[in-house]
Amino acid sequence: MRPSEFNDGKYANGLLCQLPYPTDDTRLIIAAAQEGIKRL
């Protein structure tokens, strides 16, 4: 991989985690975030 020529050598990666339904349960949010981190 190489960083963008227009980004001063900085690299950033992002991911959206979609939950099956709206929730404020932090256990579900953390589990989804951990799965996303594994895919990065």
N, C-alpha and C. Protein backbone atom coordinates (compact mmCIF):
# COMPACT_ATOMS: atom_id res chain seq x y z
N MET A 1 0.83 -1.17 0.00
CA MET A 1 0.00 0.00 0.00
C MET A 1 0.87 1.23 0.00
N ARG A 2 0.34 2.24 -0.58
CA ARG A 2 1.07 3.50 -0.52
C ARG A 2 0.08 4.62 -0.25
N PRO A 3 0.50 5.63 0.50
CA PRO A 3 -0.41 6.73 0.85
C PRO A 3 -0.70 7.60 -0.35
N SER A 4 -1.73 8.37 -0.25
CA SER A 4 -2.11 9.30 -1.30
C SER A 4 -1.02 10.34 -1.51
N GLU A 5 -0.81 10.74 -2.75
CA GLU A 5 0.18 11.77 -3.05
C GLU A 5 -0.28 13.13 -2.54
N PHE A 6 -1.55 13.28 -2.27
CA PHE A 6 -2.10 14.57 -1.85
C PHE A 6 -2.32 14.64 -0.35
N ASN A 7 -1.86 13.67 0.39
CA ASN A 7 -2.15 13.60 1.82
C ASN A 7 -0.89 13.72 2.68
N ASP A 8 0.16 14.28 2.18
CA ASP A 8 1.41 14.49 2.93
C ASP A 8 1.95 13.22 3.58
N GLY A 9 1.77 12.07 2.95
CA GLY A 9 2.32 10.83 3.47
C GLY A 9 1.53 10.20 4.59
N LYS A 10 0.39 10.74 4.91
CA LYS A 10 -0.42 10.16 5.98
C LYS A 10 -1.32 9.08 5.42
N TYR A 11 -1.57 8.06 6.21
CA TYR A 11 -2.45 6.97 5.81
C TYR A 11 -3.57 6.83 6.82
N ALA A 12 -4.78 6.71 6.34
CA ALA A 12 -5.92 6.51 7.24
C ALA A 12 -6.83 5.46 6.61
N ASN A 13 -7.33 4.57 7.43
CA ASN A 13 -8.22 3.53 6.96
C ASN A 13 -9.50 3.65 7.77
N GLY A 14 -10.62 3.37 7.15
CA GLY A 14 -11.89 3.49 7.85
C GLY A 14 -12.82 2.35 7.50
N LEU A 15 -13.84 2.20 8.30
CA LEU A 15 -14.78 1.10 8.11
C LEU A 15 -16.10 1.49 8.74
N LEU A 16 -17.19 1.12 8.09
CA LEU A 16 -18.52 1.30 8.66
C LEU A 16 -19.03 -0.05 9.13
N CYS A 17 -19.51 -0.09 10.35
CA CYS A 17 -20.09 -1.31 10.90
C CYS A 17 -21.59 -1.12 10.97
N GLN A 18 -22.32 -1.94 10.27
CA GLN A 18 -23.77 -1.82 10.28
C GLN A 18 -24.36 -2.82 11.27
N LEU A 19 -25.17 -2.31 12.16
CA LEU A 19 -25.84 -3.15 13.14
C LEU A 19 -27.20 -3.58 12.59
N PRO A 20 -27.72 -4.71 13.01
CA PRO A 20 -28.99 -5.20 12.48
C PRO A 20 -30.19 -4.34 12.87
N TYR A 21 -30.05 -3.56 13.96
CA TYR A 21 -31.13 -2.68 14.42
C TYR A 21 -30.52 -1.60 15.30
N PRO A 22 -31.19 -0.46 15.43
CA PRO A 22 -30.67 0.60 16.30
C PRO A 22 -30.55 0.10 17.74
N THR A 23 -29.46 0.47 18.39
CA THR A 23 -29.25 0.01 19.77
C THR A 23 -28.38 1.00 20.53
N ASP A 24 -28.56 1.01 21.84
CA ASP A 24 -27.64 1.75 22.70
C ASP A 24 -26.90 0.78 23.62
N ASP A 25 -26.96 -0.50 23.28
CA ASP A 25 -26.29 -1.55 24.05
C ASP A 25 -24.81 -1.55 23.68
N THR A 26 -23.98 -1.09 24.60
CA THR A 26 -22.56 -0.97 24.29
C THR A 26 -21.91 -2.32 24.01
N ARG A 27 -22.47 -3.41 24.55
CA ARG A 27 -21.91 -4.74 24.27
C ARG A 27 -22.01 -5.05 22.78
N LEU A 28 -23.15 -4.73 22.17
CA LEU A 28 -23.33 -4.98 20.73
C LEU A 28 -22.46 -4.05 19.89
N ILE A 29 -22.37 -2.80 20.32
CA ILE A 29 -21.56 -1.83 19.59
C ILE A 29 -20.09 -2.22 19.63
N ILE A 30 -19.60 -2.62 20.80
CA ILE A 30 -18.20 -3.03 20.94
C ILE A 30 -17.93 -4.30 20.13
N ALA A 31 -18.86 -5.25 20.15
CA ALA A 31 -18.67 -6.49 19.38
C ALA A 31 -18.59 -6.17 17.88
N ALA A 32 -19.43 -5.27 17.40
CA ALA A 32 -19.39 -4.89 15.98
C ALA A 32 -18.08 -4.17 15.66
N ALA A 33 -17.63 -3.31 16.55
CA ALA A 33 -16.36 -2.60 16.34
C ALA A 33 -15.18 -3.56 16.31
N GLN A 34 -15.18 -4.55 17.19
CA GLN A 34 -14.10 -5.53 17.21
C GLN A 34 -14.07 -6.35 15.93
N GLU A 35 -15.24 -6.71 15.42
CA GLU A 35 -15.29 -7.45 14.14
C GLU A 35 -14.74 -6.58 13.02
N GLY A 36 -15.09 -5.29 13.04
CA GLY A 36 -14.57 -4.38 12.02
C GLY A 36 -13.07 -4.24 12.08
N ILE A 37 -12.51 -4.17 13.27
CA ILE A 37 -11.06 -4.05 13.43
C ILE A 37 -10.36 -5.29 12.86
N LYS A 38 -10.95 -6.44 13.03
CA LYS A 38 -10.35 -7.67 12.47
C LYS A 38 -10.27 -7.61 10.95
N ARG A 39 -11.22 -6.89 10.31
CA ARG A 39 -11.25 -6.82 8.85
C ARG A 39 -10.31 -5.78 8.27
N LEU A 40 -9.77 -4.90 9.11
CA LEU A 40 -8.87 -3.86 8.60
C LEU A 40 -7.50 -4.40 8.29
